[in-house]
C-alpha cells in the first residue's frame, strides 16, 4: 500500500501551539497529532506520513506549498493563522497548485464576534473544507477529510 503524505502547515505565531494562549488555542501540542489520527483512523493511520512546517513568513509558506505540489503530496492541512484573513498571495497559491487543502483553525473563528476580520477567509474558496474550533483535533479531522476526499468518499452537498 502506498504511503500517503500530508503536510501540516502552520503560519505566523503557531510555532508554540500548546503554549500560546491555551485559553483560546488549547494546551495540546502537535506532538499529540499522530495519536489522534490513530484514534480516528485505527490501522488506516499506519499508511500516513505527516510532514510538519511552520513559518512566520508569508513567502516561506508559499514556497512550501509550491514544493508540496512538486513533491506530489496527497494534501495539506493548513492553519495560516492571521494570514488566513489577509493574504491574497496565499489564496492565489492555493488556487493554482492543485493539492487538496483543508483550512484548519484551532479556535472557532466564526464565534470570534469581537474580531469580525477573523471571521473571513481569503483561502477558503480554494480549500475542500474548513475545520474550526476543535483545537489540535482539527488537524486530525482535516487529515481524515483529506483521506476521504482522496479515496473519492465525499458526502453530498
N, C-alpha and C. Protein backbone atom coordinates (compact mmCIF):
# COMPACT_ATOMS: atom_id res chain seq x y z
N UNK A 1 0.84 -1.19 0.00
CA UNK A 1 0.00 0.00 0.00
C UNK A 1 0.89 1.25 0.00
N UNK A 2 0.53 2.18 -0.84
CA UNK A 2 1.28 3.43 -0.96
C UNK A 2 1.10 4.29 0.31
N UNK A 3 2.21 4.83 0.79
CA UNK A 3 2.14 5.76 1.91
C UNK A 3 1.58 7.08 1.42
N UNK A 4 0.59 7.58 2.13
CA UNK A 4 0.03 8.88 1.79
C UNK A 4 0.72 9.94 2.63
N UNK A 5 1.12 11.01 1.97
CA UNK A 5 1.86 12.07 2.65
C UNK A 5 1.04 13.34 2.71
N UNK A 6 0.90 13.85 3.94
CA UNK A 6 0.15 15.07 4.18
C UNK A 6 1.02 16.09 4.89
N UNK A 7 0.95 17.30 4.41
CA UNK A 7 1.68 18.41 5.02
C UNK A 7 0.78 19.10 6.03
N UNK A 8 1.28 19.27 7.24
CA UNK A 8 0.62 20.08 8.27
C UNK A 8 1.38 21.40 8.28
N UNK A 9 0.74 22.42 7.74
CA UNK A 9 1.40 23.70 7.51
C UNK A 9 0.81 24.76 8.43
N UNK A 10 1.69 25.42 9.17
CA UNK A 10 1.26 26.44 10.12
C UNK A 10 1.94 27.76 9.84
N UNK A 11 1.16 28.83 9.96
CA UNK A 11 1.64 30.17 9.70
C UNK A 11 2.11 30.90 10.94
N UNK A 12 2.10 32.22 10.87
CA UNK A 12 2.66 33.07 11.92
C UNK A 12 2.06 32.80 13.30
N UNK A 13 2.96 32.83 14.27
CA UNK A 13 2.62 32.69 15.69
C UNK A 13 2.08 31.33 16.07
N UNK A 14 2.25 30.34 15.20
CA UNK A 14 1.75 29.00 15.50
C UNK A 14 2.88 28.01 15.80
N UNK A 15 4.06 28.54 16.04
CA UNK A 15 5.20 27.70 16.39
C UNK A 15 5.17 27.23 17.84
N UNK A 16 4.22 27.75 18.59
CA UNK A 16 4.15 27.41 20.01
C UNK A 16 2.76 26.90 20.39
N UNK A 17 2.17 26.11 19.50
CA UNK A 17 0.85 25.54 19.77
C UNK A 17 0.95 24.69 21.04
N UNK A 18 0.02 24.90 21.92
CA UNK A 18 0.01 24.21 23.20
C UNK A 18 0.49 25.09 24.33
N UNK A 19 1.33 26.07 24.00
CA UNK A 19 1.85 27.01 24.99
C UNK A 19 1.21 28.39 24.83
N UNK A 20 0.94 28.76 23.61
CA UNK A 20 0.44 30.10 23.31
C UNK A 20 -1.05 30.20 23.63
N UNK A 21 -1.42 31.10 24.48
CA UNK A 21 -2.80 31.41 24.81
C UNK A 21 -3.69 30.16 24.86
N UNK A 22 -3.41 29.24 25.79
CA UNK A 22 -4.18 28.00 25.85
C UNK A 22 -5.68 28.21 26.08
N UNK A 23 -6.05 29.34 26.63
CA UNK A 23 -7.48 29.62 26.83
C UNK A 23 -8.21 29.81 25.51
N UNK A 24 -7.48 30.16 24.45
CA UNK A 24 -8.06 30.31 23.11
C UNK A 24 -7.74 29.10 22.24
N UNK A 25 -6.48 28.66 22.27
CA UNK A 25 -5.99 27.68 21.31
C UNK A 25 -5.81 26.27 21.88
N UNK A 26 -6.03 26.08 23.16
CA UNK A 26 -5.87 24.77 23.77
C UNK A 26 -4.46 24.53 24.26
N UNK A 27 -4.28 23.45 25.00
CA UNK A 27 -2.98 23.17 25.61
C UNK A 27 -2.26 21.98 24.99
N UNK A 28 -2.86 21.32 24.00
CA UNK A 28 -2.20 20.20 23.33
C UNK A 28 -1.27 20.72 22.25
N UNK A 29 -0.12 20.07 22.11
CA UNK A 29 0.82 20.41 21.05
C UNK A 29 0.67 19.49 19.86
N UNK A 30 1.38 19.80 18.78
CA UNK A 30 1.30 18.98 17.56
C UNK A 30 1.85 17.58 17.77
N UNK A 31 2.62 17.37 18.84
CA UNK A 31 3.14 16.03 19.11
C UNK A 31 2.01 15.04 19.42
N UNK A 32 0.83 15.53 19.76
CA UNK A 32 -0.30 14.63 20.03
C UNK A 32 -1.05 14.23 18.76
N UNK A 33 -0.71 14.82 17.63
CA UNK A 33 -1.44 14.57 16.39
C UNK A 33 -1.38 13.11 15.91
N UNK A 34 -0.23 12.44 15.91
CA UNK A 34 -0.24 11.04 15.47
C UNK A 34 -1.18 10.16 16.30
N UNK A 35 -1.23 10.37 17.61
CA UNK A 35 -2.14 9.60 18.46
C UNK A 35 -3.60 9.87 18.13
N UNK A 36 -3.92 11.12 17.86
CA UNK A 36 -5.29 11.46 17.48
C UNK A 36 -5.67 10.81 16.15
N UNK A 37 -4.73 10.79 15.21
CA UNK A 37 -5.00 10.13 13.93
C UNK A 37 -5.26 8.65 14.11
N UNK A 38 -4.48 8.02 14.98
CA UNK A 38 -4.69 6.60 15.24
C UNK A 38 -6.06 6.36 15.85
N UNK A 39 -6.49 7.25 16.75
CA UNK A 39 -7.83 7.14 17.33
C UNK A 39 -8.91 7.24 16.25
N UNK A 40 -8.74 8.15 15.31
CA UNK A 40 -9.75 8.36 14.27
C UNK A 40 -9.72 7.30 13.18
N UNK A 41 -8.52 6.91 12.77
CA UNK A 41 -8.38 6.05 11.60
C UNK A 41 -8.02 4.61 11.92
N UNK A 42 -7.69 4.31 13.17
CA UNK A 42 -7.28 2.96 13.52
C UNK A 42 -6.06 2.54 12.73
N UNK A 43 -6.11 1.34 12.15
CA UNK A 43 -4.98 0.83 11.39
C UNK A 43 -4.71 1.63 10.12
N UNK A 44 -5.72 2.36 9.64
CA UNK A 44 -5.53 3.19 8.45
C UNK A 44 -4.50 4.29 8.64
N UNK A 45 -4.23 4.64 9.89
CA UNK A 45 -3.24 5.68 10.17
C UNK A 45 -1.82 5.22 9.87
N UNK A 46 -1.62 3.90 9.80
CA UNK A 46 -0.28 3.36 9.56
C UNK A 46 0.26 3.75 8.19
N UNK A 47 -0.61 3.99 7.21
CA UNK A 47 -0.17 4.34 5.87
C UNK A 47 -0.01 5.82 5.64
N UNK A 48 -0.05 6.60 6.73
CA UNK A 48 0.01 8.06 6.60
C UNK A 48 1.33 8.59 7.16
N UNK A 49 1.96 9.44 6.39
CA UNK A 49 3.16 10.15 6.85
C UNK A 49 2.81 11.63 6.94
N UNK A 50 3.07 12.20 8.10
CA UNK A 50 2.83 13.63 8.30
C UNK A 50 4.14 14.40 8.19
N UNK A 51 4.11 15.46 7.43
CA UNK A 51 5.24 16.37 7.31
C UNK A 51 4.82 17.68 7.96
N UNK A 52 5.67 18.25 8.78
CA UNK A 52 5.32 19.47 9.51
C UNK A 52 6.18 20.63 9.05
N UNK A 53 5.54 21.78 8.91
CA UNK A 53 6.28 23.00 8.58
C UNK A 53 5.55 24.18 9.20
N UNK A 54 6.32 25.08 9.78
CA UNK A 54 5.78 26.32 10.35
C UNK A 54 6.69 27.45 9.96
N UNK A 55 6.09 28.58 9.62
CA UNK A 55 6.88 29.77 9.33
C UNK A 55 6.08 31.01 9.72
N UNK A 56 6.80 32.00 10.14
CA UNK A 56 6.20 33.30 10.43
C UNK A 56 6.21 34.21 9.21
N UNK A 57 6.67 33.67 8.07
CA UNK A 57 6.84 34.48 6.87
C UNK A 57 5.96 33.96 5.72
N UNK A 58 5.17 34.84 5.16
CA UNK A 58 4.23 34.51 4.10
C UNK A 58 4.91 33.84 2.90
N UNK A 59 6.00 34.41 2.44
CA UNK A 59 6.70 33.86 1.28
C UNK A 59 7.20 32.45 1.52
N UNK A 60 7.64 32.16 2.73
CA UNK A 60 8.10 30.82 3.07
C UNK A 60 6.95 29.82 3.00
N UNK A 61 5.77 30.22 3.43
CA UNK A 61 4.59 29.34 3.34
C UNK A 61 4.23 29.06 1.89
N UNK A 62 4.31 30.09 1.05
CA UNK A 62 4.04 29.92 -0.38
C UNK A 62 5.07 28.99 -1.00
N UNK A 63 6.34 29.19 -0.67
CA UNK A 63 7.39 28.29 -1.17
C UNK A 63 7.11 26.85 -0.77
N UNK A 64 6.67 26.63 0.46
CA UNK A 64 6.41 25.26 0.92
C UNK A 64 5.21 24.65 0.20
N UNK A 65 4.19 25.44 -0.07
CA UNK A 65 3.04 24.95 -0.83
C UNK A 65 3.45 24.57 -2.26
N UNK A 66 4.27 25.40 -2.89
CA UNK A 66 4.75 25.09 -4.23
C UNK A 66 5.60 23.81 -4.23
N UNK A 67 6.39 23.63 -3.17
CA UNK A 67 7.18 22.41 -3.03
C UNK A 67 6.26 21.20 -2.84
N UNK A 68 5.19 21.37 -2.08
CA UNK A 68 4.22 20.28 -1.89
C UNK A 68 3.67 19.82 -3.23
N UNK A 69 3.42 20.76 -4.11
CA UNK A 69 2.94 20.43 -5.46
C UNK A 69 3.97 19.60 -6.20
N UNK A 70 5.24 20.07 -6.18
CA UNK A 70 6.31 19.36 -6.89
C UNK A 70 6.52 17.96 -6.31
N UNK A 71 6.36 17.83 -5.00
CA UNK A 71 6.55 16.54 -4.33
C UNK A 71 5.38 15.58 -4.56
N UNK A 72 4.27 16.11 -5.08
CA UNK A 72 3.09 15.28 -5.29
C UNK A 72 2.43 14.85 -4.00
N UNK A 73 2.46 15.71 -2.98
CA UNK A 73 1.84 15.37 -1.71
C UNK A 73 0.34 15.13 -1.90
N UNK A 74 -0.22 14.34 -1.01
CA UNK A 74 -1.63 13.96 -1.11
C UNK A 74 -2.57 15.03 -0.56
N UNK A 75 -2.05 15.97 0.21
CA UNK A 75 -2.90 17.02 0.74
C UNK A 75 -2.19 17.86 1.78
N UNK A 76 -2.86 18.94 2.14
CA UNK A 76 -2.33 19.89 3.11
C UNK A 76 -3.42 20.21 4.12
N UNK A 77 -3.06 20.14 5.40
CA UNK A 77 -3.90 20.66 6.48
C UNK A 77 -3.23 21.95 6.91
N UNK A 78 -3.84 23.08 6.58
CA UNK A 78 -3.15 24.36 6.76
C UNK A 78 -3.88 25.29 7.72
N UNK A 79 -3.12 25.76 8.69
CA UNK A 79 -3.57 26.82 9.57
C UNK A 79 -2.65 28.00 9.28
N UNK A 80 -3.14 28.93 8.50
CA UNK A 80 -2.31 30.08 8.11
C UNK A 80 -2.33 31.18 9.15
N UNK A 81 -3.01 30.95 10.28
CA UNK A 81 -3.07 31.97 11.32
C UNK A 81 -3.73 33.22 10.77
N UNK A 82 -3.23 34.37 11.17
CA UNK A 82 -3.80 35.65 10.76
C UNK A 82 -3.72 35.87 9.25
N UNK A 83 -2.81 35.17 8.57
CA UNK A 83 -2.72 35.31 7.11
C UNK A 83 -3.96 34.79 6.40
N UNK A 84 -4.72 33.95 7.09
CA UNK A 84 -6.00 33.46 6.55
C UNK A 84 -6.87 34.62 6.10
N UNK A 85 -6.84 35.67 6.88
CA UNK A 85 -7.76 36.80 6.71
C UNK A 85 -7.19 37.93 5.86
N UNK A 86 -5.89 37.84 5.54
CA UNK A 86 -5.25 38.99 4.89
C UNK A 86 -4.43 38.67 3.65
N UNK A 87 -4.08 37.40 3.42
CA UNK A 87 -3.09 37.09 2.38
C UNK A 87 -3.71 36.67 1.05
N UNK A 88 -3.76 37.61 0.13
CA UNK A 88 -4.16 37.28 -1.23
C UNK A 88 -3.12 36.38 -1.89
N UNK A 89 -1.86 36.55 -1.51
CA UNK A 89 -0.79 35.75 -2.10
C UNK A 89 -0.95 34.27 -1.76
N UNK A 90 -1.26 33.94 -0.51
CA UNK A 90 -1.51 32.54 -0.14
C UNK A 90 -2.76 32.00 -0.84
N UNK A 91 -3.80 32.81 -0.90
CA UNK A 91 -5.03 32.41 -1.59
C UNK A 91 -4.74 32.12 -3.06
N UNK A 92 -3.96 32.97 -3.71
CA UNK A 92 -3.61 32.75 -5.11
C UNK A 92 -2.82 31.45 -5.29
N UNK A 93 -1.90 31.18 -4.37
CA UNK A 93 -1.10 29.96 -4.45
C UNK A 93 -2.00 28.73 -4.34
N UNK A 94 -2.88 28.71 -3.36
CA UNK A 94 -3.79 27.58 -3.18
C UNK A 94 -4.68 27.37 -4.41
N UNK A 95 -5.02 28.46 -5.08
CA UNK A 95 -5.92 28.39 -6.23
C UNK A 95 -5.28 27.67 -7.42
N UNK A 96 -3.96 27.64 -7.50
CA UNK A 96 -3.34 27.05 -8.69
C UNK A 96 -2.55 25.78 -8.44
N UNK A 97 -2.14 25.47 -7.21
CA UNK A 97 -1.21 24.35 -7.03
C UNK A 97 -1.83 22.97 -7.24
N UNK A 98 -3.15 22.85 -7.10
CA UNK A 98 -3.80 21.57 -7.37
C UNK A 98 -3.60 20.51 -6.30
N UNK A 99 -3.22 20.91 -5.10
CA UNK A 99 -3.08 19.98 -3.97
C UNK A 99 -4.28 20.20 -3.06
N UNK A 100 -5.05 19.14 -2.76
CA UNK A 100 -6.20 19.33 -1.88
C UNK A 100 -5.77 19.90 -0.53
N UNK A 101 -6.53 20.87 -0.05
CA UNK A 101 -6.19 21.54 1.19
C UNK A 101 -7.43 21.67 2.06
N UNK A 102 -7.24 21.45 3.36
CA UNK A 102 -8.27 21.72 4.35
C UNK A 102 -7.75 22.85 5.23
N UNK A 103 -8.54 23.89 5.35
CA UNK A 103 -8.20 25.03 6.21
C UNK A 103 -8.51 24.64 7.65
N UNK A 104 -7.55 24.86 8.54
CA UNK A 104 -7.70 24.48 9.94
C UNK A 104 -7.55 25.72 10.83
N UNK A 105 -8.40 25.79 11.83
CA UNK A 105 -8.29 26.83 12.87
C UNK A 105 -8.48 26.18 14.22
N UNK A 106 -7.60 26.47 15.15
CA UNK A 106 -7.70 25.91 16.49
C UNK A 106 -8.94 26.42 17.21
N UNK A 107 -9.22 27.70 17.04
CA UNK A 107 -10.41 28.29 17.65
C UNK A 107 -11.53 28.36 16.61
N UNK A 108 -12.72 28.60 17.07
CA UNK A 108 -13.85 28.77 16.16
C UNK A 108 -13.85 30.21 15.68
N UNK A 109 -13.30 30.44 14.51
CA UNK A 109 -13.17 31.81 14.01
C UNK A 109 -14.53 32.48 13.81
N UNK A 110 -15.56 31.69 13.60
CA UNK A 110 -16.89 32.25 13.37
C UNK A 110 -17.55 32.74 14.66
N UNK A 111 -17.04 32.28 15.79
CA UNK A 111 -17.57 32.70 17.09
C UNK A 111 -16.80 33.90 17.66
N UNK A 112 -15.76 34.32 16.96
CA UNK A 112 -14.94 35.42 17.47
C UNK A 112 -15.56 36.75 17.03
N UNK A 113 -16.73 37.02 17.58
CA UNK A 113 -17.51 38.19 17.16
C UNK A 113 -16.88 39.51 17.59
N UNK A 114 -15.95 39.45 18.53
CA UNK A 114 -15.26 40.67 18.94
C UNK A 114 -14.21 41.09 17.91
N UNK A 115 -13.89 40.20 16.96
CA UNK A 115 -12.93 40.49 15.91
C UNK A 115 -13.50 40.03 14.56
N UNK A 116 -14.39 40.81 13.96
CA UNK A 116 -15.07 40.39 12.72
C UNK A 116 -14.11 40.02 11.59
N UNK A 117 -12.94 40.64 11.53
CA UNK A 117 -11.98 40.32 10.47
C UNK A 117 -11.62 38.83 10.53
N UNK A 118 -11.55 38.25 11.73
CA UNK A 118 -11.16 36.84 11.89
C UNK A 118 -12.25 35.87 11.44
N UNK A 119 -13.41 36.37 11.09
CA UNK A 119 -14.50 35.51 10.64
C UNK A 119 -14.47 35.29 9.12
N UNK A 120 -13.52 35.92 8.45
CA UNK A 120 -13.44 35.82 6.98
C UNK A 120 -12.15 35.11 6.58
N UNK A 121 -12.25 34.34 5.52
CA UNK A 121 -11.09 33.65 4.99
C UNK A 121 -10.93 33.97 3.52
N UNK A 122 -9.74 34.37 3.15
CA UNK A 122 -9.45 34.58 1.73
C UNK A 122 -9.11 33.27 1.03
N UNK A 123 -8.75 32.25 1.80
CA UNK A 123 -8.30 30.99 1.22
C UNK A 123 -9.39 29.94 1.11
N UNK A 124 -10.47 30.09 1.86
CA UNK A 124 -11.49 29.06 1.94
C UNK A 124 -12.03 28.60 0.61
N UNK A 125 -12.16 29.49 -0.36
CA UNK A 125 -12.74 29.08 -1.64
C UNK A 125 -11.84 28.12 -2.42
N UNK A 126 -10.57 28.05 -2.06
CA UNK A 126 -9.65 27.14 -2.73
C UNK A 126 -9.38 25.88 -1.91
N UNK A 127 -10.10 25.71 -0.82
CA UNK A 127 -9.94 24.54 0.05
C UNK A 127 -11.14 23.61 -0.11
N UNK A 128 -10.94 22.34 0.18
CA UNK A 128 -12.06 21.40 0.09
C UNK A 128 -12.97 21.51 1.31
N UNK A 129 -12.48 22.16 2.37
CA UNK A 129 -13.29 22.34 3.57
C UNK A 129 -12.54 23.11 4.63
N UNK A 130 -13.26 23.38 5.71
CA UNK A 130 -12.72 24.14 6.84
C UNK A 130 -13.07 23.41 8.12
N UNK A 131 -12.08 23.28 9.01
CA UNK A 131 -12.30 22.72 10.35
C UNK A 131 -11.90 23.81 11.34
N UNK A 132 -12.83 24.18 12.22
CA UNK A 132 -12.55 25.26 13.16
C UNK A 132 -13.14 24.96 14.53
N UNK A 133 -12.36 25.27 15.57
CA UNK A 133 -12.88 25.24 16.92
C UNK A 133 -12.61 23.98 17.71
N UNK A 134 -11.84 23.05 17.18
CA UNK A 134 -11.60 21.78 17.86
C UNK A 134 -10.17 21.61 18.34
N UNK A 135 -9.40 22.69 18.40
CA UNK A 135 -8.02 22.59 18.85
C UNK A 135 -7.21 21.68 17.95
N UNK A 136 -6.28 20.95 18.55
CA UNK A 136 -5.39 20.05 17.79
C UNK A 136 -6.19 18.98 17.05
N UNK A 137 -7.30 18.57 17.59
CA UNK A 137 -8.14 17.57 16.92
C UNK A 137 -8.50 18.03 15.51
N UNK A 138 -8.58 19.33 15.28
CA UNK A 138 -8.90 19.86 13.96
C UNK A 138 -7.93 19.40 12.88
N UNK A 139 -6.64 19.28 13.22
CA UNK A 139 -5.66 18.80 12.24
C UNK A 139 -5.94 17.34 11.88
N UNK A 140 -6.25 16.53 12.88
CA UNK A 140 -6.57 15.12 12.63
C UNK A 140 -7.84 15.01 11.80
N UNK A 141 -8.84 15.82 12.09
CA UNK A 141 -10.07 15.81 11.30
C UNK A 141 -9.80 16.25 9.87
N UNK A 142 -8.88 17.19 9.71
CA UNK A 142 -8.52 17.65 8.35
C UNK A 142 -7.86 16.52 7.57
N UNK A 143 -6.95 15.79 8.21
CA UNK A 143 -6.29 14.67 7.52
C UNK A 143 -7.31 13.58 7.19
N UNK A 144 -8.23 13.31 8.10
CA UNK A 144 -9.30 12.35 7.83
C UNK A 144 -10.12 12.80 6.61
N UNK A 145 -10.46 14.08 6.56
CA UNK A 145 -11.21 14.61 5.41
C UNK A 145 -10.41 14.47 4.12
N UNK A 146 -9.11 14.72 4.18
CA UNK A 146 -8.26 14.57 3.00
C UNK A 146 -8.20 13.11 2.56
N UNK A 147 -8.11 12.19 3.52
CA UNK A 147 -8.12 10.76 3.20
C UNK A 147 -9.40 10.38 2.46
N UNK A 148 -10.53 10.82 2.98
CA UNK A 148 -11.82 10.51 2.36
C UNK A 148 -11.94 11.17 0.98
N UNK A 149 -11.47 12.39 0.89
CA UNK A 149 -11.50 13.11 -0.39
C UNK A 149 -10.69 12.35 -1.43
N UNK A 150 -9.48 11.94 -1.06
CA UNK A 150 -8.59 11.25 -1.99
C UNK A 150 -9.10 9.86 -2.36
N UNK A 151 -9.89 9.26 -1.48
CA UNK A 151 -10.48 7.95 -1.76
C UNK A 151 -11.77 8.08 -2.55
N UNK A 152 -12.19 9.32 -2.80
CA UNK A 152 -13.42 9.54 -3.54
C UNK A 152 -14.67 9.40 -2.69
N UNK A 153 -14.50 9.39 -1.38
CA UNK A 153 -15.63 9.27 -0.47
C UNK A 153 -15.98 10.67 0.01
N UNK A 154 -17.08 11.19 -0.49
CA UNK A 154 -17.49 12.54 -0.13
C UNK A 154 -18.99 12.56 0.15
N UNK A 155 -19.34 13.30 1.13
CA UNK A 155 -20.76 13.48 1.42
C UNK A 155 -21.37 14.38 0.37
N UNK A 156 -22.62 14.15 0.07
CA UNK A 156 -23.35 15.01 -0.88
C UNK A 156 -23.61 16.35 -0.24
N UNK A 157 -23.48 17.39 -1.02
CA UNK A 157 -23.73 18.73 -0.50
C UNK A 157 -25.20 19.01 -0.43
